[in-house]
């Protein structure tokens, strides 16, 4: 790959993850959320794959030695992305159940996926809102990142 692409990737990939994190945090109040943040994070990783290749990311970043495309899919990073996808699905379902659990604790009936929230005071940040939608967004984020990077990695390994 070219020196220009690798130089740009060194700057853009970390910025992509920072912006993705910001979109993730503002998602339950403003435009953004788990889906768009996940797409942005997967796009940043795709740029890293373009600049350094699948082998470069797996060898240099993760410190794993893989030789063939089949090893990438069966034992390598693709297996990790599939696990991320499955964990995200579990987190999203559990996030939906949080409202039912909150209703059970307060003695009321609250339907599945109803958002509940609390306010907490955090030093240096002040008053922040802790919403159950954030847990659901985390699950969506993990599903989107896991699914897109699985697809990109499998196609890239071919």
N, C-alpha and C. Protein backbone atom coordinates (compact mmCIF):
# COMPACT_ATOMS: atom_id res chain seq x y z
N UNK A 1 0.83 -1.17 0.00
CA UNK A 1 0.00 0.00 0.00
C UNK A 1 0.89 1.25 0.00
N UNK A 2 0.29 2.36 -0.33
CA UNK A 2 1.08 3.58 -0.46
C UNK A 2 1.38 4.20 0.90
N UNK A 3 2.42 4.97 0.92
CA UNK A 3 2.83 5.68 2.13
C UNK A 3 1.77 6.72 2.51
N UNK A 4 1.17 7.34 1.52
CA UNK A 4 0.15 8.36 1.78
C UNK A 4 -1.06 7.73 2.48
N UNK A 5 -1.53 6.58 2.01
CA UNK A 5 -2.68 5.92 2.62
C UNK A 5 -2.37 5.51 4.06
N UNK A 6 -1.18 4.99 4.30
CA UNK A 6 -0.82 4.59 5.66
C UNK A 6 -0.70 5.81 6.59
N UNK A 7 -0.17 6.90 6.07
CA UNK A 7 -0.06 8.12 6.88
C UNK A 7 -1.44 8.67 7.22
N UNK A 8 -2.32 8.71 6.24
CA UNK A 8 -3.69 9.17 6.47
C UNK A 8 -4.40 8.25 7.45
N UNK A 9 -4.20 6.95 7.32
CA UNK A 9 -4.86 5.99 8.20
C UNK A 9 -4.41 6.17 9.65
N UNK A 10 -3.16 6.50 9.87
CA UNK A 10 -2.68 6.72 11.25
C UNK A 10 -3.40 7.87 11.94
N UNK A 11 -3.86 8.83 11.17
CA UNK A 11 -4.57 9.97 11.74
C UNK A 11 -6.08 9.73 11.76
N UNK A 12 -6.62 9.21 10.67
CA UNK A 12 -8.07 9.11 10.52
C UNK A 12 -8.68 7.97 11.35
N UNK A 13 -7.99 6.85 11.48
CA UNK A 13 -8.55 5.71 12.22
C UNK A 13 -8.81 6.07 13.69
N UNK A 14 -7.85 6.64 14.42
CA UNK A 14 -8.17 7.02 15.81
C UNK A 14 -9.27 8.09 15.89
N UNK A 15 -9.27 9.04 14.97
CA UNK A 15 -10.33 10.05 14.96
C UNK A 15 -11.69 9.41 14.69
N UNK A 16 -11.72 8.42 13.82
CA UNK A 16 -12.96 7.70 13.55
C UNK A 16 -13.51 7.03 14.79
N UNK A 17 -12.63 6.44 15.60
CA UNK A 17 -13.08 5.80 16.83
C UNK A 17 -13.56 6.83 17.87
N UNK A 18 -12.90 7.98 17.94
CA UNK A 18 -13.31 9.03 18.88
C UNK A 18 -14.68 9.58 18.49
N UNK A 19 -14.89 9.86 17.22
CA UNK A 19 -16.18 10.37 16.75
C UNK A 19 -17.25 9.29 16.92
N UNK A 20 -16.89 8.05 16.68
CA UNK A 20 -17.83 6.95 16.90
C UNK A 20 -18.28 6.89 18.35
N UNK A 21 -17.33 7.05 19.28
CA UNK A 21 -17.67 7.04 20.70
C UNK A 21 -18.58 8.22 21.05
N UNK A 22 -18.33 9.40 20.48
CA UNK A 22 -19.17 10.57 20.73
C UNK A 22 -20.58 10.34 20.20
N UNK A 23 -20.71 9.80 19.00
CA UNK A 23 -22.04 9.49 18.45
C UNK A 23 -22.76 8.47 19.31
N UNK A 24 -22.01 7.50 19.81
CA UNK A 24 -22.62 6.49 20.66
C UNK A 24 -23.20 7.10 21.93
N UNK A 25 -22.46 8.00 22.56
CA UNK A 25 -22.91 8.59 23.82
C UNK A 25 -24.08 9.55 23.66
N UNK A 26 -24.19 10.24 22.55
CA UNK A 26 -25.28 11.18 22.38
C UNK A 26 -26.52 10.56 21.76
N UNK A 27 -26.47 9.28 21.44
CA UNK A 27 -27.52 8.65 20.65
C UNK A 27 -28.89 8.62 21.25
N UNK A 28 -29.04 8.51 22.57
CA UNK A 28 -30.38 8.42 23.11
C UNK A 28 -31.04 9.78 23.32
N UNK A 29 -30.29 10.87 23.11
CA UNK A 29 -30.86 12.21 23.23
C UNK A 29 -30.82 13.01 21.93
N UNK A 30 -29.84 12.74 21.09
CA UNK A 30 -29.63 13.49 19.86
C UNK A 30 -29.41 12.49 18.72
N UNK A 31 -29.35 12.95 17.47
CA UNK A 31 -29.05 12.02 16.39
C UNK A 31 -27.72 11.29 16.62
N UNK A 32 -27.72 10.04 16.35
CA UNK A 32 -26.56 9.19 16.60
C UNK A 32 -27.05 7.89 17.19
N UNK A 33 -26.24 7.26 17.97
CA UNK A 33 -26.64 6.02 18.62
C UNK A 33 -25.78 4.87 18.19
N UNK A 34 -26.20 3.68 18.60
CA UNK A 34 -25.41 2.49 18.39
C UNK A 34 -25.19 2.14 16.93
N UNK A 35 -26.20 2.35 16.09
CA UNK A 35 -26.06 1.94 14.70
C UNK A 35 -25.04 2.79 13.96
N UNK A 36 -25.23 4.11 13.97
CA UNK A 36 -24.33 4.97 13.21
C UNK A 36 -22.93 4.95 13.81
N UNK A 37 -22.83 4.83 15.14
CA UNK A 37 -21.51 4.74 15.77
C UNK A 37 -20.81 3.45 15.36
N UNK A 38 -21.57 2.36 15.28
CA UNK A 38 -21.00 1.08 14.84
C UNK A 38 -20.54 1.11 13.39
N UNK A 39 -21.32 1.75 12.54
CA UNK A 39 -20.93 1.87 11.13
C UNK A 39 -19.66 2.70 11.01
N UNK A 40 -19.55 3.77 11.78
CA UNK A 40 -18.35 4.61 11.74
C UNK A 40 -17.13 3.85 12.25
N UNK A 41 -17.28 3.08 13.32
CA UNK A 41 -16.15 2.29 13.84
C UNK A 41 -15.73 1.22 12.84
N UNK A 42 -16.69 0.57 12.20
CA UNK A 42 -16.36 -0.44 11.19
C UNK A 42 -15.68 0.20 9.98
N UNK A 43 -16.10 1.41 9.63
CA UNK A 43 -15.45 2.12 8.52
C UNK A 43 -14.01 2.47 8.86
N UNK A 44 -13.76 2.86 10.10
CA UNK A 44 -12.39 3.15 10.52
C UNK A 44 -11.53 1.89 10.44
N UNK A 45 -12.08 0.76 10.87
CA UNK A 45 -11.32 -0.50 10.77
C UNK A 45 -11.11 -0.90 9.31
N UNK A 46 -12.10 -0.65 8.47
CA UNK A 46 -11.95 -0.97 7.05
C UNK A 46 -10.82 -0.14 6.44
N UNK A 47 -10.69 1.11 6.87
CA UNK A 47 -9.57 1.94 6.39
C UNK A 47 -8.23 1.36 6.86
N UNK A 48 -8.19 0.86 8.09
CA UNK A 48 -6.96 0.21 8.58
C UNK A 48 -6.66 -1.03 7.75
N UNK A 49 -7.69 -1.80 7.39
CA UNK A 49 -7.48 -2.97 6.53
C UNK A 49 -6.95 -2.57 5.16
N UNK A 50 -7.49 -1.48 4.61
CA UNK A 50 -7.01 -1.01 3.30
C UNK A 50 -5.55 -0.58 3.38
N UNK A 51 -5.19 0.09 4.46
CA UNK A 51 -3.83 0.61 4.58
C UNK A 51 -2.81 -0.46 4.90
N UNK A 52 -3.16 -1.40 5.78
CA UNK A 52 -2.18 -2.37 6.28
C UNK A 52 -2.49 -3.81 5.91
N UNK A 53 -3.67 -4.07 5.38
CA UNK A 53 -4.04 -5.43 5.02
C UNK A 53 -4.53 -6.21 6.23
N UNK A 54 -5.26 -7.26 5.97
CA UNK A 54 -5.80 -8.10 7.04
C UNK A 54 -4.68 -8.73 7.84
N UNK A 55 -3.64 -9.17 7.17
CA UNK A 55 -2.50 -9.78 7.86
C UNK A 55 -1.80 -8.77 8.76
N UNK A 56 -1.63 -7.56 8.27
CA UNK A 56 -0.95 -6.54 9.05
C UNK A 56 -1.69 -6.18 10.32
N UNK A 57 -3.01 -6.08 10.23
CA UNK A 57 -3.80 -5.75 11.42
C UNK A 57 -3.74 -6.90 12.42
N UNK A 58 -3.87 -8.12 11.92
CA UNK A 58 -3.87 -9.26 12.83
C UNK A 58 -2.49 -9.52 13.43
N UNK A 59 -1.44 -9.40 12.62
CA UNK A 59 -0.09 -9.65 13.12
C UNK A 59 0.42 -8.52 14.02
N UNK A 60 0.33 -7.27 13.52
CA UNK A 60 0.93 -6.14 14.24
C UNK A 60 0.08 -5.65 15.41
N UNK A 61 -1.22 -5.53 15.20
CA UNK A 61 -2.08 -4.99 16.25
C UNK A 61 -2.42 -6.05 17.30
N UNK A 62 -2.81 -7.22 16.84
CA UNK A 62 -3.26 -8.26 17.77
C UNK A 62 -2.15 -9.23 18.18
N UNK A 63 -1.05 -9.22 17.46
CA UNK A 63 0.07 -10.09 17.80
C UNK A 63 -0.20 -11.56 17.54
N UNK A 64 -1.02 -11.87 16.54
CA UNK A 64 -1.31 -13.26 16.19
C UNK A 64 -0.69 -13.60 14.85
N UNK A 65 -0.21 -14.79 14.75
CA UNK A 65 0.41 -15.26 13.51
C UNK A 65 -0.59 -16.17 12.78
N UNK A 66 -1.03 -15.73 11.60
CA UNK A 66 -1.89 -16.55 10.75
C UNK A 66 -1.27 -16.60 9.37
N UNK A 67 -1.42 -17.76 8.74
CA UNK A 67 -0.77 -17.96 7.45
C UNK A 67 -1.71 -17.90 6.26
N UNK A 68 -2.89 -18.44 6.39
CA UNK A 68 -3.78 -18.55 5.24
C UNK A 68 -5.09 -17.82 5.49
N UNK A 69 -5.84 -17.62 4.41
CA UNK A 69 -7.15 -16.99 4.52
C UNK A 69 -8.11 -17.85 5.34
N UNK A 70 -7.97 -19.16 5.25
CA UNK A 70 -8.82 -20.06 6.01
C UNK A 70 -8.58 -19.88 7.51
N UNK A 71 -7.33 -19.66 7.91
CA UNK A 71 -7.03 -19.44 9.33
C UNK A 71 -7.63 -18.14 9.83
N UNK A 72 -7.70 -17.11 8.98
CA UNK A 72 -8.35 -15.86 9.38
C UNK A 72 -9.81 -16.11 9.73
N UNK A 73 -10.47 -16.92 8.92
CA UNK A 73 -11.89 -17.16 9.11
C UNK A 73 -12.15 -18.12 10.26
N UNK A 74 -11.37 -19.19 10.36
CA UNK A 74 -11.65 -20.22 11.35
C UNK A 74 -11.10 -19.89 12.73
N UNK A 75 -9.91 -19.35 12.82
CA UNK A 75 -9.27 -19.17 14.13
C UNK A 75 -8.88 -17.73 14.43
N UNK A 76 -8.95 -16.88 13.45
CA UNK A 76 -8.39 -15.54 13.62
C UNK A 76 -9.41 -14.52 14.05
N UNK A 77 -9.24 -13.36 13.50
CA UNK A 77 -10.00 -12.19 13.90
C UNK A 77 -11.49 -12.32 13.57
N UNK A 78 -11.82 -13.07 12.56
CA UNK A 78 -13.22 -13.25 12.18
C UNK A 78 -13.99 -13.93 13.30
N UNK A 79 -13.37 -14.87 13.96
CA UNK A 79 -14.00 -15.56 15.10
C UNK A 79 -14.29 -14.55 16.22
N UNK A 80 -13.38 -13.61 16.43
CA UNK A 80 -13.60 -12.57 17.43
C UNK A 80 -14.77 -11.67 17.06
N UNK A 81 -14.87 -11.32 15.78
CA UNK A 81 -15.99 -10.48 15.33
C UNK A 81 -17.32 -11.22 15.48
N UNK A 82 -17.32 -12.51 15.23
CA UNK A 82 -18.55 -13.28 15.42
C UNK A 82 -18.95 -13.33 16.89
N UNK A 83 -17.97 -13.43 17.77
CA UNK A 83 -18.25 -13.40 19.21
C UNK A 83 -18.78 -12.04 19.63
N UNK A 84 -18.23 -10.97 19.06
CA UNK A 84 -18.71 -9.62 19.35
C UNK A 84 -20.16 -9.46 18.91
N UNK A 85 -20.49 -10.00 17.75
CA UNK A 85 -21.86 -9.96 17.24
C UNK A 85 -22.81 -10.67 18.19
N UNK A 86 -22.45 -11.86 18.63
CA UNK A 86 -23.30 -12.64 19.53
C UNK A 86 -23.45 -11.94 20.88
N UNK A 87 -22.37 -11.39 21.40
CA UNK A 87 -22.44 -10.67 22.68
C UNK A 87 -23.31 -9.43 22.55
N UNK A 88 -23.20 -8.73 21.44
CA UNK A 88 -24.02 -7.55 21.22
C UNK A 88 -25.50 -7.88 21.17
N UNK A 89 -25.83 -8.99 20.55
CA UNK A 89 -27.23 -9.42 20.49
C UNK A 89 -27.75 -9.71 21.89
N UNK A 90 -26.93 -10.35 22.71
CA UNK A 90 -27.32 -10.63 24.09
C UNK A 90 -27.48 -9.35 24.90
N UNK A 91 -26.58 -8.40 24.70
CA UNK A 91 -26.65 -7.12 25.43
C UNK A 91 -27.90 -6.35 25.03
N UNK A 92 -28.24 -6.34 23.74
CA UNK A 92 -29.43 -5.62 23.27
C UNK A 92 -30.70 -6.22 23.86
N UNK A 93 -30.79 -7.53 23.89
CA UNK A 93 -31.96 -8.18 24.49
C UNK A 93 -32.03 -7.89 25.98
N UNK A 94 -30.88 -7.96 26.66
CA UNK A 94 -30.83 -7.68 28.09
C UNK A 94 -31.19 -6.22 28.37
N UNK A 95 -30.75 -5.32 27.51
CA UNK A 95 -31.11 -3.91 27.66
C UNK A 95 -32.60 -3.69 27.56
N UNK A 96 -33.26 -4.45 26.72
CA UNK A 96 -34.71 -4.36 26.63
C UNK A 96 -35.40 -4.88 27.88
N UNK A 97 -34.78 -5.87 28.50
CA UNK A 97 -35.34 -6.44 29.72
C UNK A 97 -35.13 -5.55 30.94
N UNK A 98 -34.24 -4.59 30.85
CA UNK A 98 -33.96 -3.70 31.98
C UNK A 98 -35.21 -2.95 32.42
N UNK A 99 -36.04 -2.54 31.48
CA UNK A 99 -37.26 -1.82 31.86
C UNK A 99 -38.23 -2.73 32.61
N UNK A 100 -38.30 -3.98 32.21
CA UNK A 100 -39.17 -4.93 32.92
C UNK A 100 -38.66 -5.14 34.34
N UNK A 101 -37.34 -5.28 34.49
CA UNK A 101 -36.75 -5.45 35.82
C UNK A 101 -36.98 -4.22 36.68
N UNK A 102 -36.84 -3.03 36.09
CA UNK A 102 -37.09 -1.79 36.84
C UNK A 102 -38.55 -1.73 37.30
N UNK A 103 -39.45 -2.11 36.42
CA UNK A 103 -40.87 -2.13 36.79
C UNK A 103 -41.16 -3.13 37.89
N UNK A 104 -40.52 -4.26 37.84
CA UNK A 104 -40.70 -5.28 38.87
C UNK A 104 -40.21 -4.76 40.22
N UNK A 105 -39.07 -4.07 40.22
CA UNK A 105 -38.52 -3.55 41.47
C UNK A 105 -39.37 -2.43 42.06
N UNK A 106 -40.01 -1.64 41.20
CA UNK A 106 -40.83 -0.53 41.69
C UNK A 106 -42.29 -0.93 41.88
N UNK A 107 -42.65 -2.14 41.51
CA UNK A 107 -44.03 -2.60 41.69
C UNK A 107 -44.98 -2.14 40.62
N UNK A 108 -44.47 -1.72 39.47
CA UNK A 108 -45.32 -1.30 38.36
C UNK A 108 -45.08 -2.21 37.16
N UNK A 109 -45.96 -2.12 36.20
CA UNK A 109 -45.81 -2.89 34.98
C UNK A 109 -45.27 -1.98 33.88
N UNK A 110 -44.08 -2.30 33.40
CA UNK A 110 -43.45 -1.52 32.34
C UNK A 110 -43.18 -2.47 31.17
N UNK A 111 -43.63 -2.14 29.97
CA UNK A 111 -43.44 -3.03 28.82
C UNK A 111 -41.97 -3.15 28.41
N UNK A 112 -41.69 -4.21 27.67
CA UNK A 112 -40.36 -4.47 27.13
C UNK A 112 -39.92 -3.30 26.27
N UNK A 113 -38.66 -2.90 26.37
CA UNK A 113 -38.02 -1.82 25.59
C UNK A 113 -38.49 -0.42 25.97
N UNK A 114 -39.16 -0.26 27.09
CA UNK A 114 -39.50 1.08 27.56
C UNK A 114 -38.27 1.67 28.22
N UNK A 115 -37.94 2.89 27.85
CA UNK A 115 -36.73 3.50 28.40
C UNK A 115 -36.98 4.00 29.82
N UNK A 116 -36.05 3.70 30.67
CA UNK A 116 -36.04 4.25 32.02
C UNK A 116 -34.69 4.94 32.22
N UNK A 117 -34.64 5.88 33.15
CA UNK A 117 -33.38 6.59 33.38
C UNK A 117 -33.30 7.07 34.81
N UNK A 118 -32.09 7.35 35.20
CA UNK A 118 -31.76 7.94 36.49
C UNK A 118 -30.70 9.01 36.25
N UNK A 119 -30.61 9.93 37.18
CA UNK A 119 -29.55 10.94 37.13
C UNK A 119 -28.52 10.60 38.19
N UNK A 120 -27.26 10.80 37.86
CA UNK A 120 -26.17 10.57 38.80
C UNK A 120 -25.21 11.75 38.73
N UNK A 121 -24.58 12.03 39.84
CA UNK A 121 -23.58 13.09 39.88
C UNK A 121 -22.19 12.46 39.85
N UNK A 122 -21.42 12.83 38.85
CA UNK A 122 -20.08 12.30 38.65
C UNK A 122 -19.08 13.43 38.83
N UNK A 123 -18.04 13.23 39.63
CA UNK A 123 -17.04 14.29 39.78
C UNK A 123 -16.44 14.68 38.42
N UNK A 124 -16.22 15.95 38.23
CA UNK A 124 -15.67 16.56 37.02
C UNK A 124 -16.68 16.68 35.88
N UNK A 125 -17.72 15.85 35.88
CA UNK A 125 -18.72 15.92 34.81
C UNK A 125 -20.02 16.56 35.28
N UNK A 126 -20.32 16.42 36.56
CA UNK A 126 -21.56 16.96 37.07
C UNK A 126 -22.69 15.95 36.95
N UNK A 127 -23.89 16.44 36.66
CA UNK A 127 -25.07 15.59 36.57
C UNK A 127 -25.13 14.93 35.20
N UNK A 128 -25.22 13.60 35.18
CA UNK A 128 -25.35 12.86 33.92
C UNK A 128 -26.59 11.98 33.98
N UNK A 129 -27.12 11.66 32.82
CA UNK A 129 -28.29 10.81 32.73
C UNK A 129 -27.85 9.39 32.40
N UNK A 130 -28.27 8.44 33.20
CA UNK A 130 -28.01 7.02 32.94
C UNK A 130 -29.30 6.41 32.42
N UNK A 131 -29.35 6.12 31.12
CA UNK A 131 -30.57 5.63 30.49
C UNK A 131 -30.42 4.17 30.10
N UNK A 132 -31.52 3.44 30.17
CA UNK A 132 -31.48 2.05 29.74
C UNK A 132 -31.27 1.95 28.23
N UNK A 133 -31.59 3.02 27.50
CA UNK A 133 -31.36 3.02 26.05
C UNK A 133 -29.88 2.92 25.73
N UNK A 134 -29.02 3.38 26.64
CA UNK A 134 -27.58 3.30 26.42
C UNK A 134 -27.12 1.84 26.37
N UNK A 135 -27.72 1.00 27.20
CA UNK A 135 -27.38 -0.43 27.18
C UNK A 135 -27.83 -1.05 25.86
N UNK A 136 -29.04 -0.72 25.42
CA UNK A 136 -29.52 -1.23 24.13
C UNK A 136 -28.62 -0.73 23.00
N UNK A 137 -28.24 0.55 23.03
CA UNK A 137 -27.35 1.09 22.00
C UNK A 137 -26.00 0.38 21.99
N UNK A 138 -25.50 0.01 23.17
CA UNK A 138 -24.25 -0.74 23.24
C UNK A 138 -24.38 -2.08 22.54
N UNK A 139 -25.51 -2.75 22.72
CA UNK A 139 -25.75 -4.01 22.03
C UNK A 139 -25.83 -3.82 20.52
N UNK A 140 -26.55 -2.79 20.09
CA UNK A 140 -26.65 -2.50 18.65
C UNK A 140 -25.27 -2.18 18.08
N UNK A 141 -24.48 -1.39 18.82
CA UNK A 141 -23.12 -1.05 18.39
C UNK A 141 -22.29 -2.32 18.17
N UNK A 142 -22.34 -3.23 19.14
CA UNK A 142 -21.55 -4.46 19.03
C UNK A 142 -22.04 -5.34 17.88
N UNK A 143 -23.35 -5.40 17.67
CA UNK A 143 -23.89 -6.19 16.55
C UNK A 143 -23.44 -5.61 15.22
N UNK A 144 -23.54 -4.31 15.06
CA UNK A 144 -23.18 -3.66 13.79
C UNK A 144 -21.68 -3.81 13.52
N UNK A 145 -20.86 -3.53 14.52
CA UNK A 145 -19.40 -3.65 14.34
C UNK A 145 -19.04 -5.11 14.03
N UNK A 146 -19.57 -6.04 14.80
CA UNK A 146 -19.25 -7.45 14.59
C UNK A 146 -19.69 -7.95 13.23
N UNK A 147 -20.90 -7.59 12.81
CA UNK A 147 -21.41 -8.06 11.51
C UNK A 147 -20.64 -7.44 10.35
N UNK A 148 -20.45 -6.12 10.37
CA UNK A 148 -19.76 -5.48 9.25
C UNK A 148 -18.30 -5.92 9.14
N UNK A 149 -17.62 -6.03 10.27
CA UNK A 149 -16.22 -6.44 10.20
C UNK A 149 -16.08 -7.92 9.85
N UNK A 150 -17.05 -8.74 10.20
CA UNK A 150 -17.03 -10.13 9.74
C UNK A 150 -17.12 -10.18 8.22
N UNK A 151 -18.05 -9.42 7.69
CA UNK A 151 -18.22 -9.39 6.22
C UNK A 151 -16.97 -8.85 5.54
N UNK A 152 -16.45 -7.74 6.04
CA UNK A 152 -15.26 -7.13 5.44
C UNK A 152 -14.08 -8.07 5.51
N UNK A 153 -13.90 -8.73 6.66
CA UNK A 153 -12.76 -9.63 6.84
C UNK A 153 -12.86 -10.88 5.97
N UNK A 154 -14.03 -11.45 5.88
CA UNK A 154 -14.19 -12.66 5.06
C UNK A 154 -13.98 -12.34 3.58
N UNK A 155 -14.57 -11.24 3.14
CA UNK A 155 -14.40 -10.84 1.74
C UNK A 155 -12.95 -10.44 1.49
N UNK A 156 -12.34 -9.75 2.45
CA UNK A 156 -10.94 -9.33 2.30
C UNK A 156 -9.97 -10.49 2.33
N UNK A 157 -10.31 -11.57 3.03
CA UNK A 157 -9.43 -12.73 3.10
C UNK A 157 -9.46 -13.54 1.80
N UNK A 158 -10.47 -13.36 1.00
CA UNK A 158 -10.57 -14.12 -0.26
C UNK A 158 -9.59 -13.66 -1.22
